[in-house]
Amino acid sequence: MWQIWLIISGVFLILEIFTIGFLAFWLSIGSLLAMVISFITDSLIVQTTVFVISSAILIFATKPFINKFTNKDTKLTNVYSIVGKKAIVIEDIDWATGKGLVKSDGEVWSAKTDEQINIPKGTEVEIESIDGVKVSVKPIENEQTITQH
């Protein structure tokens, strides 16, 4: 039975190469511990119990330690990097039709607003989110040119 535990351990190690969660590694170690137990007893129940318990202990005991070394600060990339940036309205934004254009970092985007306001050309806005090919914007405070509806 020790050969099967060794194969299972190897499969978990190979699986760990293709994942980023650092979970399969501990399952591999649990498999190795079950392999050691297989030299002591032929009971599959005891071996499986050692595998499950040791894997669970390793996963939960090392999670806080691993979290110290992983970077939790995710940086927005590609199109989502413009979220939070300022833009200038280059074609009036009509909230009812969802039409309008803004320019940010030299790129022109179709724009809409989630608020029931129209935003005129020339207004400075902040990009809140991206919905498909449109950016959702809100006017930056202290703009008196916004028309409320």
C-alpha atoms as a PDB file:
ATOM      1  CA  MET A   1       0.000   0.000   0.000  1.00  0.00           C
ATOM      2  CA  TRP A   2       2.941   2.352   0.521  1.00  0.00           C
ATOM      3  CA  GLN A   3       3.429   2.598  -3.268  1.00  0.00           C
ATOM      4  CA  ILE A   4      -0.098   3.987  -3.702  1.00  0.00           C
ATOM      5  CA  TRP A   5       0.499   6.649  -1.036  1.00  0.00           C
ATOM      6  CA  LEU A   6       3.753   7.575  -2.756  1.00  0.00           C
ATOM      7  CA  ILE A   7       1.971   7.928  -6.103  1.00  0.00           C
ATOM      8  CA  ILE A   8      -0.789  10.015  -4.500  1.00  0.00           C
ATOM      9  CA  SER A   9       1.881  12.236  -2.948  1.00  0.00           C
ATOM     10  CA  GLY A  10       3.534  12.692  -6.343  1.00  0.00           C
ATOM     11  CA  VAL A  11       0.210  13.553  -7.978  1.00  0.00           C
ATOM     12  CA  PHE A  12      -0.414  16.232  -5.330  1.00  0.00           C
ATOM     13  CA  LEU A  13       3.086  17.668  -5.875  1.00  0.00           C
ATOM     14  CA  ILE A  14       2.516  17.858  -9.631  1.00  0.00           C
ATOM     15  CA  LEU A  15      -0.881  19.439  -9.015  1.00  0.00           C
ATOM     16  CA  GLU A  16       0.787  22.025  -6.771  1.00  0.00           C
ATOM     17  CA  ILE A  17       2.923  23.159  -9.701  1.00  0.00           C
ATOM     18  CA  PHE A  18      -0.212  24.201 -11.580  1.00  0.00           C
ATOM     19  CA  THR A  19      -2.021  25.884  -8.695  1.00  0.00           C
ATOM     20  CA  ILE A  20      -1.288  28.959  -6.595  1.00  0.00           C
ATOM     21  CA  GLY A  21      -3.131  28.077  -3.392  1.00  0.00           C
ATOM     22  CA  PHE A  22      -0.343  26.113  -1.673  1.00  0.00           C
ATOM     23  CA  LEU A  23      -2.933  23.512  -0.688  1.00  0.00           C
ATOM     24  CA  ALA A  24      -1.885  20.446  -2.685  1.00  0.00           C
ATOM     25  CA  PHE A  25       1.583  20.585  -1.110  1.00  0.00           C
ATOM     26  CA  TRP A  26       0.150  19.851   2.339  1.00  0.00           C
ATOM     27  CA  LEU A  27      -1.980  17.044   0.913  1.00  0.00           C
ATOM     28  CA  SER A  28       1.221  15.610  -0.524  1.00  0.00           C
ATOM     29  CA  ILE A  29       2.898  15.737   2.898  1.00  0.00           C
ATOM     30  CA  GLY A  30      -0.189  14.089   4.421  1.00  0.00           C
ATOM     31  CA  SER A  31       0.127  11.329   1.813  1.00  0.00           C
ATOM     32  CA  LEU A  32       3.761  10.805   2.784  1.00  0.00           C
ATOM     33  CA  LEU A  33       2.790  10.542   6.447  1.00  0.00           C
ATOM     34  CA  ALA A  34       0.126   7.974   5.530  1.00  0.00           C
ATOM     35  CA  MET A  35       2.815   6.099   3.590  1.00  0.00           C
ATOM     36  CA  VAL A  36       4.979   5.942   6.733  1.00  0.00           C
ATOM     37  CA  ILE A  37       1.990   4.623   8.705  1.00  0.00           C
ATOM     38  CA  SER A  38       1.442   1.969   6.025  1.00  0.00           C
ATOM     39  CA  PHE A  39       4.787   0.433   7.083  1.00  0.00           C
ATOM     40  CA  ILE A  40       3.399   0.068  10.622  1.00  0.00           C
ATOM     41  CA  THR A  41      -0.156  -1.111   9.908  1.00  0.00           C
ATOM     42  CA  ASP A  42      -2.072  -2.550   6.979  1.00  0.00           C
ATOM     43  CA  SER A  43      -5.326  -0.883   8.070  1.00  0.00           C
ATOM     44  CA  LEU A  44      -6.537   1.395   5.279  1.00  0.00           C
ATOM     45  CA  ILE A  45      -8.821   3.178   7.754  1.00  0.00           C
ATOM     46  CA  VAL A  46      -5.873   4.120   9.994  1.00  0.00           C
ATOM     47  CA  GLN A  47      -3.788   5.246   7.005  1.00  0.00           C
ATOM     48  CA  THR A  48      -6.622   7.356   5.578  1.00  0.00           C
ATOM     49  CA  THR A  49      -7.309   8.855   9.002  1.00  0.00           C
ATOM     50  CA  VAL A  50      -3.646   9.853   9.327  1.00  0.00           C
ATOM     51  CA  PHE A  51      -3.777  11.371   5.842  1.00  0.00           C
ATOM     52  CA  VAL A  52      -6.932  13.424   6.539  1.00  0.00           C
ATOM     53  CA  ILE A  53      -5.952  14.602  10.021  1.00  0.00           C
ATOM     54  CA  SER A  54      -2.326  15.442   9.182  1.00  0.00           C
ATOM     55  CA  SER A  55      -3.319  17.276   5.998  1.00  0.00           C
ATOM     56  CA  ALA A  56      -5.966  19.300   7.855  1.00  0.00           C
ATOM     57  CA  ILE A  57      -3.558  20.191  10.668  1.00  0.00           C
ATOM     58  CA  LEU A  58      -0.855  21.251   8.199  1.00  0.00           C
ATOM     59  CA  ILE A  59      -3.271  23.365   6.162  1.00  0.00           C
ATOM     60  CA  PHE A  60      -4.794  25.186   9.135  1.00  0.00           C
ATOM     61  CA  ALA A  61      -1.554  25.528  11.127  1.00  0.00           C
ATOM     62  CA  THR A  62       0.419  27.055   8.271  1.00  0.00           C
ATOM     63  CA  LYS A  63      -2.289  29.303   6.774  1.00  0.00           C
ATOM     64  CA  PRO A  64      -1.491  32.307   9.023  1.00  0.00           C
ATOM     65  CA  PHE A  65       2.230  31.806   8.374  1.00  0.00           C
ATOM     66  CA  ILE A  66       1.724  31.685   4.586  1.00  0.00           C
ATOM     67  CA  ASN A  67      -0.557  34.742   4.668  1.00  0.00           C
ATOM     68  CA  LYS A  68       2.320  36.793   6.107  1.00  0.00           C
ATOM     69  CA  PHE A  69       4.344  36.192   2.956  1.00  0.00           C
ATOM     70  CA  THR A  70       1.656  36.525   0.315  1.00  0.00           C
ATOM     71  CA  ASN A  71       0.923  39.938  -1.106  1.00  0.00           C
ATOM     72  CA  LYS A  72      -2.682  40.911  -0.404  1.00  0.00           C
ATOM     73  CA  ASP A  73      -2.402  44.205  -2.290  1.00  0.00           C
ATOM     74  CA  THR A  74      -3.764  43.483  -5.724  1.00  0.00           C
ATOM     75  CA  LYS A  75      -3.067  46.033  -8.373  1.00  0.00           C
ATOM     76  CA  LEU A  76      -5.562  46.681 -11.109  1.00  0.00           C
ATOM     77  CA  THR A  77      -4.119  46.083 -14.551  1.00  0.00           C
ATOM     78  CA  ASN A  78      -5.086  46.542 -18.172  1.00  0.00           C
ATOM     79  CA  VAL A  79      -8.436  48.238 -18.652  1.00  0.00           C
ATOM     80  CA  TYR A  80      -9.263  48.170 -14.925  1.00  0.00           C
ATOM     81  CA  SER A  81      -6.248  50.358 -14.162  1.00  0.00           C
ATOM     82  CA  ILE A  82      -8.299  53.426 -15.151  1.00  0.00           C
ATOM     83  CA  VAL A  83     -10.810  52.906 -12.330  1.00  0.00           C
ATOM     84  CA  GLY A  84     -10.456  55.819  -9.915  1.00  0.00           C
ATOM     85  CA  LYS A  85      -8.751  58.070 -12.464  1.00  0.00           C
ATOM     86  CA  LYS A  86     -10.008  61.452 -13.595  1.00  0.00           C
ATOM     87  CA  ALA A  87     -11.427  62.066 -17.048  1.00  0.00           C
ATOM     88  CA  ILE A  88     -12.876  64.965 -19.018  1.00  0.00           C
ATOM     89  CA  VAL A  89     -16.322  64.739 -20.612  1.00  0.00           C
ATOM     90  CA  ILE A  90     -15.876  65.358 -24.352  1.00  0.00           C
ATOM     91  CA  GLU A  91     -19.510  64.645 -25.309  1.00  0.00           C
ATOM     92  CA  ASP A  92     -22.432  65.336 -22.968  1.00  0.00           C
ATOM     93  CA  ILE A  93     -23.370  62.350 -20.806  1.00  0.00           C
ATOM     94  CA  ASP A  94     -27.129  61.737 -20.756  1.00  0.00           C
ATOM     95  CA  TRP A  95     -28.149  59.468 -17.883  1.00  0.00           C
ATOM     96  CA  ALA A  96     -31.463  58.493 -19.535  1.00  0.00           C
ATOM     97  CA  THR A  97     -29.919  57.190 -22.760  1.00  0.00           C
ATOM     98  CA  GLY A  98     -26.566  56.185 -21.305  1.00  0.00           C
ATOM     99  CA  LYS A  99     -24.725  58.057 -24.032  1.00  0.00           C
ATOM    100  CA  GLY A 100     -21.652  60.202 -23.687  1.00  0.00           C
ATOM    101  CA  LEU A 101     -17.879  60.198 -24.107  1.00  0.00           C
ATOM    102  CA  VAL A 102     -14.980  60.865 -21.773  1.00  0.00           C
ATOM    103  CA  LYS A 103     -11.247  61.104 -22.324  1.00  0.00           C
ATOM    104  CA  SER A 104      -8.739  59.723 -19.828  1.00  0.00           C
ATOM    105  CA  ASP A 105      -4.997  59.326 -20.354  1.00  0.00           C
ATOM    106  CA  GLY A 106      -5.446  60.096 -24.055  1.00  0.00           C
ATOM    107  CA  GLU A 107      -8.042  57.360 -24.557  1.00  0.00           C
ATOM    108  CA  VAL A 108     -11.688  58.003 -25.423  1.00  0.00           C
ATOM    109  CA  TRP A 109     -14.320  55.895 -23.659  1.00  0.00           C
ATOM    110  CA  SER A 110     -18.079  55.572 -23.984  1.00  0.00           C
ATOM    111  CA  ALA A 111     -19.455  56.778 -20.691  1.00  0.00           C
ATOM    112  CA  LYS A 112     -22.566  56.594 -18.556  1.00  0.00           C
ATOM    113  CA  THR A 113     -23.562  57.673 -15.086  1.00  0.00           C
ATOM    114  CA  ASP A 114     -25.425  55.663 -12.481  1.00  0.00           C
ATOM    115  CA  GLU A 115     -26.852  58.828 -10.952  1.00  0.00           C
ATOM    116  CA  GLN A 116     -29.888  60.568 -12.448  1.00  0.00           C
ATOM    117  CA  ILE A 117     -27.888  63.520 -13.717  1.00  0.00           C
ATOM    118  CA  ASN A 118     -26.693  64.809 -17.053  1.00  0.00           C
ATOM    119  CA  ILE A 119     -23.052  65.791 -17.201  1.00  0.00           C
ATOM    120  CA  PRO A 120     -22.108  68.446 -19.765  1.00  0.00           C
ATOM    121  CA  LYS A 121     -19.036  68.551 -21.977  1.00  0.00           C
ATOM    122  CA  GLY A 122     -15.927  69.891 -20.235  1.00  0.00           C
ATOM    123  CA  THR A 123     -16.819  68.551 -16.787  1.00  0.00           C
ATOM    124  CA  GLU A 124     -14.124  66.692 -14.861  1.00  0.00           C
ATOM    125  CA  VAL A 125     -15.332  63.256 -13.711  1.00  0.00           C
ATOM    126  CA  GLU A 126     -13.973  60.259 -11.864  1.00  0.00           C
ATOM    127  CA  ILE A 127     -14.179  56.788 -13.365  1.00  0.00           C
ATOM    128  CA  GLU A 128     -16.021  54.544 -10.873  1.00  0.00           C
ATOM    129  CA  SER A 129     -16.190  51.245 -12.722  1.00  0.00           C
ATOM    130  CA  ILE A 130     -16.156  49.524 -16.078  1.00  0.00           C
ATOM    131  CA  ASP A 131     -19.285  47.881 -17.428  1.00  0.00           C
ATOM    132  CA  GLY A 132     -18.522  46.074 -20.670  1.00  0.00           C
ATOM    133  CA  VAL A 133     -17.136  48.714 -23.034  1.00  0.00           C
ATOM    134  CA  LYS A 134     -18.458  51.700 -21.061  1.00  0.00           C
ATOM    135  CA  VAL A 135     -17.042  53.454 -18.064  1.00  0.00           C
ATOM    136  CA  SER A 136     -19.346  54.521 -15.288  1.00  0.00           C
ATOM    137  CA  VAL A 137     -18.434  57.987 -14.066  1.00  0.00           C
ATOM    138  CA  LYS A 138     -19.393  60.456 -11.392  1.00  0.00           C
ATOM    139  CA  PRO A 139     -18.705  64.164 -11.393  1.00  0.00           C
ATOM    140  CA  ILE A 140     -15.947  65.443  -9.177  1.00  0.00           C
ATOM    141  CA  GLU A 141     -17.229  67.631  -6.336  1.00  0.00           C
ATOM    142  CA  ASN A 142     -17.544  71.412  -6.743  1.00  0.00           C
ATOM    143  CA  GLU A 143     -18.945  71.228 -10.270  1.00  0.00           C
ATOM    144  CA  GLN A 144     -21.863  73.648 -10.661  1.00  0.00           C
ATOM    145  CA  THR A 145     -22.555  72.801 -14.325  1.00  0.00           C
ATOM    146  CA  ILE A 146     -24.323  69.506 -13.643  1.00  0.00           C
ATOM    147  CA  THR A 147     -28.036  69.413 -14.407  1.00  0.00           C
ATOM    148  CA  GLN A 148     -30.196  67.424 -11.973  1.00  0.00           C
ATOM    149  CA  HIS A 149     -33.252  65.491 -13.254  1.00  0.00           C
END
